[in-house]
């Protein structure tokens, strides 16, 4: 179950971004790293997301393009450099907050990504995004390549397997700046995607220590920049926390006991962003529990094609068939239907969205994220003109999570309508 923690938490914060951000607040904060390197940062609630832009005589190169909701603002900034369209777009991995602005620049920029990246966009829940062709790379790499651009050598190195299996890092060698993807997560406890591996963080951080010069500035996918001398303590923390949890498990303790005893409390300085000390305990335990287990299939692809062939009803029928006949083969969590419902809402197919969200609540009445399912339902009901139902759903969401700011803001909006 814990394999989906990072996806769902990231999913929730990305979706809440426009709700929680003040209307008059600039979308991007710009930091000039060197004469021709700029870092563009968005505040997405529980974390920031970082883009690097190289601007010079050769034109513009972008590392990561944020979510699609920021694409218009990103393009305005790029247009403001008066260098035309980007010559290159490099995506450090496939997550939606790193690739969402690719398409707005069209087919002209040369896009570069990991060799696994194209397949990932057509698997799992990503298949529902139906990314346009301009999101996909023109060049992929399994090892490394070098670009000569704007007066420096840019080393692009595959370093996947920890946060996600299709990560690359981008090292601007003369500028002494590297985009380290999500390997260090701003030097907080890292997060692990369903295709990542908690036990790969330490060896990949060790590799980064050897690859990078000591005076490099580290820009990670999320949160503030860091320094090379932070890498070794971070590496040591990864090994030590895993060892501490393993010792507890070997002594017969479970997650609740390890949390109660504050087993990882001496490393609490690394808690931040959206991974708490307790979350890190869960990640480590899940890593051990799932280490030798075969991974179950995702429900998303068969349901997607069922919907394409027969509509929303066919998708629900396929879900029930998979659950009743092949429950041991497929992975079922409270987020499967929730995500599909949100995809329908995003496409303004509100009746379909509500049906999937209602089914999710029926399937998981005690779900940890039922409050968020109700919030999404309230949004769909509001946008389809069902104000009273939207208010009722929103109130239920707040009852389940009284400190849910996005829910409170939506309720206030509904009651003023």
Protein backbone atom coordinates (compact mmCIF):
# COMPACT_ATOMS: atom_id res chain seq x y z
CA UNK A 1 0.00 0.00 0.00
CA UNK A 2 2.75 2.46 0.89
CA UNK A 3 4.04 2.41 -2.70
CA UNK A 4 1.35 4.93 -3.60
CA UNK A 5 2.02 7.35 -0.73
CA UNK A 6 4.22 9.75 -2.67
CA UNK A 7 1.99 9.77 -5.72
CA UNK A 8 -1.13 10.54 -3.77
CA UNK A 9 0.43 13.20 -1.59
CA UNK A 10 2.01 14.88 -4.61
CA UNK A 11 -1.26 14.51 -6.51
CA UNK A 12 -3.18 16.27 -3.75
CA UNK A 13 -0.77 19.16 -3.39
CA UNK A 14 -0.50 19.74 -7.14
CA UNK A 15 -4.27 19.81 -7.48
CA UNK A 16 -4.62 22.20 -4.54
CA UNK A 17 -2.00 24.57 -5.90
CA UNK A 18 -4.30 27.02 -7.69
CA UNK A 19 -6.78 26.94 -4.81
CA UNK A 20 -4.21 27.75 -2.14
CA UNK A 21 -2.18 30.33 -4.06
CA UNK A 22 -3.24 33.93 -3.71
CA UNK A 23 -4.58 35.38 -6.91
CA UNK A 24 -2.20 38.35 -6.88
CA UNK A 25 0.93 36.35 -6.06
CA UNK A 26 3.39 35.89 -8.97
CA UNK A 27 3.38 32.33 -10.26
CA UNK A 28 7.17 32.24 -10.51
CA UNK A 29 9.95 33.51 -8.30
CA UNK A 30 13.07 34.08 -10.40
CA UNK A 31 16.58 33.64 -9.01
CA UNK A 32 19.64 34.41 -11.16
CA UNK A 33 22.16 31.65 -10.46
CA UNK A 34 24.87 32.80 -12.86
CA UNK A 35 25.20 35.28 -15.71
CA UNK A 36 23.06 33.11 -17.99
CA UNK A 37 21.35 30.59 -15.68
CA UNK A 38 18.03 31.42 -14.03
CA UNK A 39 16.01 29.31 -11.56
CA UNK A 40 12.24 29.66 -11.82
CA UNK A 41 10.43 28.45 -8.72
CA UNK A 42 6.74 27.85 -8.06
CA UNK A 43 5.17 27.46 -4.63
CA UNK A 44 2.90 24.43 -4.83
CA UNK A 45 1.70 24.36 -1.24
CA UNK A 46 3.87 21.87 0.64
CA UNK A 47 6.88 22.23 -1.62
CA UNK A 48 8.39 24.33 -4.37
CA UNK A 49 9.26 23.10 -7.85
CA UNK A 50 12.36 24.32 -9.67
CA UNK A 51 13.04 24.97 -13.34
CA UNK A 52 16.43 26.03 -14.73
CA UNK A 53 16.61 28.26 -17.82
CA UNK A 54 19.86 28.83 -19.72
CA UNK A 55 19.82 32.05 -21.78
CA UNK A 56 22.65 33.05 -24.10
CA UNK A 57 23.94 33.52 -27.63
CA UNK A 58 22.76 30.07 -28.67
CA UNK A 59 19.25 30.73 -27.39
CA UNK A 60 17.26 29.13 -24.57
CA UNK A 61 17.43 25.73 -22.89
CA UNK A 62 14.90 24.71 -20.21
CA UNK A 63 15.26 22.00 -17.58
CA UNK A 64 11.74 20.95 -16.51
CA UNK A 65 8.58 22.85 -17.40
CA UNK A 66 6.37 22.71 -14.28
CA UNK A 67 2.67 21.72 -14.45
CA UNK A 68 0.37 22.53 -17.33
CA UNK A 69 -1.43 25.11 -15.17
CA UNK A 70 1.78 27.19 -15.10
CA UNK A 71 2.55 26.76 -18.81
CA UNK A 72 1.17 30.12 -19.92
CA UNK A 73 3.15 32.01 -17.28
CA UNK A 74 6.27 30.01 -18.09
CA UNK A 75 5.93 30.92 -21.75
CA UNK A 76 5.58 34.61 -20.87
CA UNK A 77 8.87 34.50 -18.99
CA UNK A 78 10.60 32.68 -21.84
CA UNK A 79 9.18 35.15 -24.37
CA UNK A 80 10.52 37.96 -22.18
CA UNK A 81 14.10 36.86 -22.82
CA UNK A 82 13.52 37.77 -26.48
CA UNK A 83 15.40 34.73 -27.78
CA UNK A 84 12.53 32.97 -29.50
CA UNK A 85 11.38 29.46 -28.70
CA UNK A 86 13.60 27.23 -26.57
CA UNK A 87 16.16 25.24 -28.55
CA UNK A 88 16.11 22.42 -25.99
CA UNK A 89 13.79 21.18 -23.25
CA UNK A 90 15.20 18.60 -20.84
CA UNK A 91 12.87 16.70 -18.51
CA UNK A 92 14.48 15.23 -15.42
CA UNK A 93 11.66 12.66 -15.08
CA UNK A 94 8.07 12.07 -16.06
CA UNK A 95 6.07 13.53 -13.14
CA UNK A 96 3.42 16.05 -14.10
CA UNK A 97 5.01 18.98 -12.28
CA UNK A 98 8.16 18.59 -14.39
CA UNK A 99 6.69 18.12 -17.89
CA UNK A 100 3.42 20.06 -17.98
CA UNK A 101 4.73 23.01 -19.98
CA UNK A 102 6.42 21.00 -22.74
CA UNK A 103 3.51 21.14 -25.16
CA UNK A 104 2.98 24.90 -25.05
CA UNK A 105 6.26 25.37 -26.92
CA UNK A 106 5.16 23.05 -29.73
CA UNK A 107 7.31 20.71 -31.78
CA UNK A 108 10.23 23.03 -32.50
CA UNK A 109 12.28 22.57 -29.30
CA UNK A 110 14.37 19.40 -29.14
CA UNK A 111 13.17 17.51 -26.10
CA UNK A 112 15.48 15.21 -24.15
CA UNK A 113 14.56 12.64 -21.49
CA UNK A 114 15.38 9.21 -20.09
CA UNK A 115 14.87 6.23 -22.40
CA UNK A 116 12.04 4.95 -20.14
CA UNK A 117 10.19 8.27 -20.19
CA UNK A 118 7.98 7.76 -23.30
CA UNK A 119 6.67 4.41 -22.08
CA UNK A 120 5.92 5.87 -18.65
CA UNK A 121 3.62 8.50 -20.13
CA UNK A 122 1.45 5.72 -21.55
CA UNK A 123 1.27 3.57 -18.42
CA UNK A 124 -0.35 3.79 -15.01
CA UNK A 125 -2.57 6.79 -14.31
CA UNK A 126 -0.53 8.81 -16.82
CA UNK A 127 -2.44 7.18 -19.65
CA UNK A 128 -5.49 9.27 -18.70
CA UNK A 129 -3.54 12.48 -19.26
CA UNK A 130 -3.38 11.74 -23.01
CA UNK A 131 -0.28 13.89 -23.33
CA UNK A 132 0.09 15.63 -26.71
CA UNK A 133 2.97 14.55 -28.92
CA UNK A 134 4.89 17.72 -28.08
CA UNK A 135 5.32 16.37 -24.53
CA UNK A 136 7.37 13.43 -25.77
CA UNK A 137 11.16 13.47 -26.25
CA UNK A 138 13.03 13.61 -29.54
CA UNK A 139 16.20 12.25 -27.90
CA UNK A 140 16.35 9.68 -25.11
CA UNK A 141 19.32 8.41 -23.14
CA UNK A 142 20.09 5.35 -21.06
CA UNK A 143 23.55 6.50 -19.97
CA UNK A 144 24.72 10.04 -20.75
CA UNK A 145 25.19 12.68 -23.42
CA UNK A 146 26.81 16.10 -23.64
CA UNK A 147 25.47 19.31 -25.18
CA UNK A 148 27.61 22.32 -26.07
CA UNK A 149 25.27 25.25 -25.57
CA UNK A 150 25.59 28.87 -24.47
CA UNK A 151 29.34 28.57 -24.00
CA UNK A 152 29.50 25.51 -21.81
CA UNK A 153 29.33 21.73 -21.78
CA UNK A 154 26.11 20.42 -20.33
CA UNK A 155 26.36 16.83 -19.10
CA UNK A 156 23.08 14.92 -19.01
CA UNK A 157 23.40 11.70 -17.00
CA UNK A 158 20.87 8.93 -16.37
CA UNK A 159 20.56 8.44 -12.61
CA UNK A 160 17.26 6.65 -12.22
CA UNK A 161 16.08 4.14 -9.68
CA UNK A 162 15.51 6.03 -6.42
CA UNK A 163 12.66 8.55 -6.52
CA UNK A 164 11.65 7.22 -9.93
CA UNK A 165 13.23 4.87 -12.47
CA UNK A 166 13.51 7.42 -15.30
CA UNK A 167 15.45 10.25 -13.69
CA UNK A 168 18.33 12.17 -15.21
CA UNK A 169 20.53 14.93 -13.84
CA UNK A 170 21.68 17.99 -15.78
CA UNK A 171 25.13 19.42 -14.96
CA UNK A 172 26.10 22.86 -16.32
CA UNK A 173 29.83 22.29 -15.97
CA UNK A 174 31.22 25.80 -16.48
CA UNK A 175 28.48 27.40 -14.40
CA UNK A 176 28.98 24.78 -11.65
CA UNK A 177 25.25 24.22 -11.30
CA UNK A 178 23.43 20.88 -11.41
CA UNK A 179 19.74 20.04 -11.52
CA UNK A 180 19.70 16.86 -9.43
CA UNK A 181 16.08 15.93 -10.19
CA UNK A 182 14.45 14.53 -7.03
CA UNK A 183 17.39 12.54 -5.71
CA UNK A 184 17.77 14.79 -2.67
CA UNK A 185 14.38 16.57 -2.54
CA UNK A 186 15.92 19.76 -1.15
CA UNK A 187 17.84 17.69 1.42
CA UNK A 188 14.65 16.53 3.10
CA UNK A 189 13.56 12.93 3.54
CA UNK A 190 13.03 11.89 -0.10
CA UNK A 191 9.85 10.61 -1.66
CA UNK A 192 9.47 7.39 -3.61
CA UNK A 193 7.28 6.84 -6.63
CA UNK A 194 5.72 3.44 -7.35
CA UNK A 195 8.57 2.78 -9.81
CA UNK A 196 11.25 4.00 -7.42
CA UNK A 197 13.30 2.13 -4.83
CA UNK A 198 14.16 3.40 -1.36
CA UNK A 199 17.34 1.33 -1.26
CA UNK A 200 18.75 3.06 -4.36
CA UNK A 201 18.96 6.54 -2.83
CA UNK A 202 22.19 5.98 -0.91
CA UNK A 203 24.19 4.42 -3.80
CA UNK A 204 22.97 7.07 -6.25
CA UNK A 205 23.79 9.91 -3.85
CA UNK A 206 27.25 8.30 -3.48
CA UNK A 207 27.58 8.34 -7.26
CA UNK A 208 26.55 12.01 -7.38
CA UNK A 209 29.26 12.82 -4.81
CA UNK A 210 31.86 11.35 -7.16
CA UNK A 211 30.42 12.89 -10.32
CA UNK A 212 30.09 16.47 -9.12
CA UNK A 213 32.72 19.09 -8.17
CA UNK A 214 32.85 20.31 -4.60
CA UNK A 215 31.89 23.87 -5.55
CA UNK A 216 28.69 22.90 -7.41
CA UNK A 217 25.33 24.50 -6.61
CA UNK A 218 22.65 21.82 -6.32
CA UNK A 219 19.17 22.59 -7.63
CA UNK A 220 16.79 19.75 -6.87
CA UNK A 221 13.35 19.14 -8.29
CA UNK A 222 11.77 20.54 -5.14
CA UNK A 223 12.63 22.96 -2.36
CA UNK A 224 15.65 25.28 -1.93
CA UNK A 225 19.07 24.78 -3.56
CA UNK A 226 21.90 23.08 -1.68
CA UNK A 227 25.63 22.43 -1.67
CA UNK A 228 27.93 19.52 -2.45
CA UNK A 229 29.05 19.26 1.19
CA UNK A 230 25.47 18.39 2.17
CA UNK A 231 25.55 15.23 0.08
CA UNK A 232 27.69 13.07 2.37
CA UNK A 233 25.65 13.74 5.54
CA UNK A 234 22.52 13.12 3.49
CA UNK A 235 23.95 9.83 2.23
CA UNK A 236 24.83 8.83 5.80
CA UNK A 237 21.32 9.68 7.01
CA UNK A 238 19.82 7.42 4.34
CA UNK A 239 21.94 4.46 5.44
CA UNK A 240 21.51 5.10 9.15
CA UNK A 241 17.73 5.50 9.11
CA UNK A 242 17.27 2.33 7.08
CA UNK A 243 19.55 0.48 9.50
CA UNK A 244 17.66 1.83 12.54
CA UNK A 245 14.30 0.74 11.20
CA UNK A 246 15.65 -2.67 10.21
CA UNK A 247 17.02 -3.17 13.73
CA UNK A 248 13.58 -2.40 15.13
CA UNK A 249 11.87 -4.79 12.74
CA UNK A 250 14.37 -7.51 13.58
CA UNK A 251 13.51 -6.98 17.25
CA UNK A 252 9.84 -7.67 16.48
CA UNK A 253 8.60 -4.06 16.50
CA UNK A 254 6.02 -2.76 14.06
CA UNK A 255 5.56 0.70 12.52
CA UNK A 256 3.42 1.96 15.41
CA UNK A 257 6.04 0.96 17.96
CA UNK A 258 8.89 2.51 15.98
CA UNK A 259 6.97 5.77 15.71
CA UNK A 260 5.95 5.72 19.36
CA UNK A 261 9.58 5.18 20.40
CA UNK A 262 10.69 7.97 18.02
CA UNK A 263 13.27 5.67 16.49
CA UNK A 264 14.23 8.21 13.82
CA UNK A 265 13.90 11.31 15.96
CA UNK A 266 17.61 12.14 15.81
CA UNK A 267 17.20 12.72 12.08
CA UNK A 268 14.05 14.87 12.38
CA UNK A 269 15.89 17.85 10.85
CA UNK A 270 15.36 16.08 7.50
CA UNK A 271 11.59 16.11 7.92
CA UNK A 272 10.08 18.73 5.69
CA UNK A 273 8.15 19.25 2.53
CA UNK A 274 5.58 16.45 2.48
CA UNK A 275 7.60 13.56 4.00
CA UNK A 276 7.48 13.51 7.80
CA UNK A 277 9.53 11.34 10.13
CA UNK A 278 6.60 8.92 10.39
CA UNK A 279 6.19 8.85 6.61
CA UNK A 280 9.88 7.96 6.29
CA UNK A 281 9.40 5.07 8.73
CA UNK A 282 6.53 3.83 6.54
CA UNK A 283 8.60 4.14 3.37
CA UNK A 284 11.45 2.12 4.84
CA UNK A 285 9.16 -0.61 6.17
CA UNK A 286 7.37 -0.83 2.84
CA UNK A 287 10.73 -1.11 1.13
CA UNK A 288 11.60 -4.18 3.19
CA UNK A 289 8.12 -5.72 2.88
CA UNK A 290 7.96 -5.32 -0.89
CA UNK A 291 11.61 -6.08 -1.61
CA UNK A 292 11.11 -9.62 -2.89
CA UNK A 293 7.42 -9.48 -3.76
CA UNK A 294 6.28 -9.38 -7.39
CA UNK A 295 4.59 -6.12 -8.23
CA UNK A 296 0.89 -6.27 -8.97
CA UNK A 297 -0.55 -4.91 -12.20
CA UNK A 298 -2.05 -1.44 -12.41
CA UNK A 299 -5.79 -1.14 -12.96
CA UNK A 300 -5.48 2.07 -14.97
CA UNK A 301 -4.63 0.81 -18.45
CA UNK A 302 -7.44 -1.77 -18.77
CA UNK A 303 -9.96 0.69 -17.33
CA UNK A 304 -8.75 3.43 -19.68
CA UNK A 305 -9.30 1.26 -22.75
CA UNK A 306 -12.66 0.08 -21.44
CA UNK A 307 -13.73 3.72 -21.13
CA UNK A 308 -12.41 4.52 -24.60
CA UNK A 309 -14.40 1.64 -26.08
CA UNK A 310 -17.61 1.85 -24.07
CA UNK A 311 -17.70 4.97 -21.93
CA UNK A 312 -17.75 5.52 -18.18
CA UNK A 313 -20.09 2.59 -17.48
CA UNK A 314 -17.76 0.20 -19.26
CA UNK A 315 -14.88 1.49 -17.14
CA UNK A 316 -16.78 0.79 -13.92
CA UNK A 317 -17.73 -2.66 -15.17
CA UNK A 318 -14.07 -3.36 -15.95
CA UNK A 319 -13.05 -2.19 -12.47
CA UNK A 320 -15.55 -4.55 -10.83
CA UNK A 321 -14.48 -7.41 -13.10
CA UNK A 322 -10.81 -6.92 -12.22
CA UNK A 323 -11.62 -6.72 -8.53
CA UNK A 324 -13.94 -9.73 -8.42
CA UNK A 325 -12.09 -12.05 -10.79
CA UNK A 326 -8.47 -10.93 -10.68
CA UNK A 327 -8.11 -9.28 -7.30
CA UNK A 328 -4.84 -11.06 -6.56
CA UNK A 329 -3.24 -9.89 -9.79
CA UNK A 330 -4.08 -6.18 -9.69
CA UNK A 331 -3.31 -3.49 -7.16
CA UNK A 332 -6.38 -1.90 -5.61
CA UNK A 333 -6.06 1.20 -3.43
CA UNK A 334 -8.39 4.03 -2.49
CA UNK A 335 -6.70 6.24 -5.07
CA UNK A 336 -7.49 4.27 -8.21
CA UNK A 337 -11.05 5.47 -8.62
CA UNK A 338 -10.26 8.86 -7.07
CA UNK A 339 -7.65 9.58 -9.74
CA UNK A 340 -9.96 8.48 -12.56
CA UNK A 341 -12.72 10.69 -11.15
CA UNK A 342 -10.35 13.63 -11.11
CA UNK A 343 -9.33 12.98 -14.72
CA UNK A 344 -12.99 13.16 -15.75
CA UNK A 345 -13.40 16.38 -13.75
CA UNK A 346 -10.36 17.87 -15.45
CA UNK A 347 -11.99 17.17 -18.81
CA UNK A 348 -15.23 18.80 -17.53
CA UNK A 349 -17.11 15.50 -17.67
CA UNK A 350 -18.77 16.12 -14.34
CA UNK A 351 -21.43 13.36 -14.18
CA UNK A 352 -18.75 10.75 -14.93
CA UNK A 353 -16.41 12.30 -12.38
CA UNK A 354 -19.06 12.20 -9.68
CA UNK A 355 -19.92 8.57 -10.41
CA UNK A 356 -16.31 7.43 -10.00
CA UNK A 357 -15.82 9.50 -6.86
CA UNK A 358 -19.04 8.13 -5.36
CA UNK A 359 -17.90 4.59 -6.13
CA UNK A 360 -14.58 5.34 -4.49
CA UNK A 361 -16.34 6.42 -1.29
CA UNK A 362 -18.47 3.28 -1.39
CA UNK A 363 -15.46 1.02 -1.92
CA UNK A 364 -13.36 2.76 0.76
CA UNK A 365 -15.79 4.23 3.33
CA UNK A 366 -13.02 4.57 5.93
CA UNK A 367 -10.37 5.73 3.48
CA UNK A 368 -7.61 7.98 4.74
CA UNK A 369 -8.25 10.41 1.89
CA UNK A 370 -12.04 10.29 1.84
CA UNK A 371 -11.99 13.99 2.72
CA UNK A 372 -10.17 14.73 -0.51
CA UNK A 373 -12.48 12.55 -2.57
CA UNK A 374 -15.42 14.57 -1.15
CA UNK A 375 -13.60 17.80 -1.98
CA UNK A 376 -13.15 16.74 -5.61
CA UNK A 377 -16.81 15.75 -5.73
CA UNK A 378 -17.80 19.14 -4.35
CA UNK A 379 -15.78 20.83 -7.09
CA UNK A 380 -17.47 18.70 -9.77
CA UNK A 381 -20.90 19.40 -8.29
CA UNK A 382 -20.19 23.13 -8.12
CA UNK A 383 -19.00 23.27 -11.72
CA UNK A 384 -22.06 21.32 -12.90
CA UNK A 385 -24.50 23.65 -11.12
CA UNK A 386 -25.32 21.45 -8.11
CA UNK A 387 -24.64 24.04 -5.43
CA UNK A 388 -26.53 22.39 -2.54
CA UNK A 389 -24.91 19.02 -3.14
CA UNK A 390 -21.52 20.69 -3.43
CA UNK A 391 -21.99 22.41 -0.06
CA UNK A 392 -23.00 19.11 1.56
CA UNK A 393 -19.96 17.30 0.11
CA UNK A 394 -17.65 20.11 1.17
CA UNK A 395 -18.99 20.10 4.74
CA UNK A 396 -18.42 16.33 4.95
CA UNK A 397 -14.85 16.83 3.75
CA UNK A 398 -14.20 19.43 6.45
CA UNK A 399 -15.78 17.19 9.11
CA UNK A 400 -13.27 14.50 8.20
CA UNK A 401 -10.35 16.96 8.12
CA UNK A 402 -11.12 20.17 10.03
CA UNK A 403 -7.79 21.81 9.10
CA UNK A 404 -8.31 21.29 5.34
CA UNK A 405 -7.73 24.83 4.04
CA UNK A 406 -8.75 24.16 0.44
CA UNK A 407 -12.06 22.71 1.67
CA UNK A 408 -12.74 25.71 3.87
CA UNK A 409 -12.00 28.09 1.02
CA UNK A 410 -14.29 26.18 -1.36
CA UNK A 411 -17.11 26.15 1.22
CA UNK A 412 -16.78 29.89 1.69
CA UNK A 413 -16.95 30.36 -2.07
CA UNK A 414 -20.01 28.13 -2.37
CA UNK A 415 -21.88 29.87 0.43
CA UNK A 416 -21.35 33.24 -1.25
CA UNK A 417 -22.77 32.04 -4.58
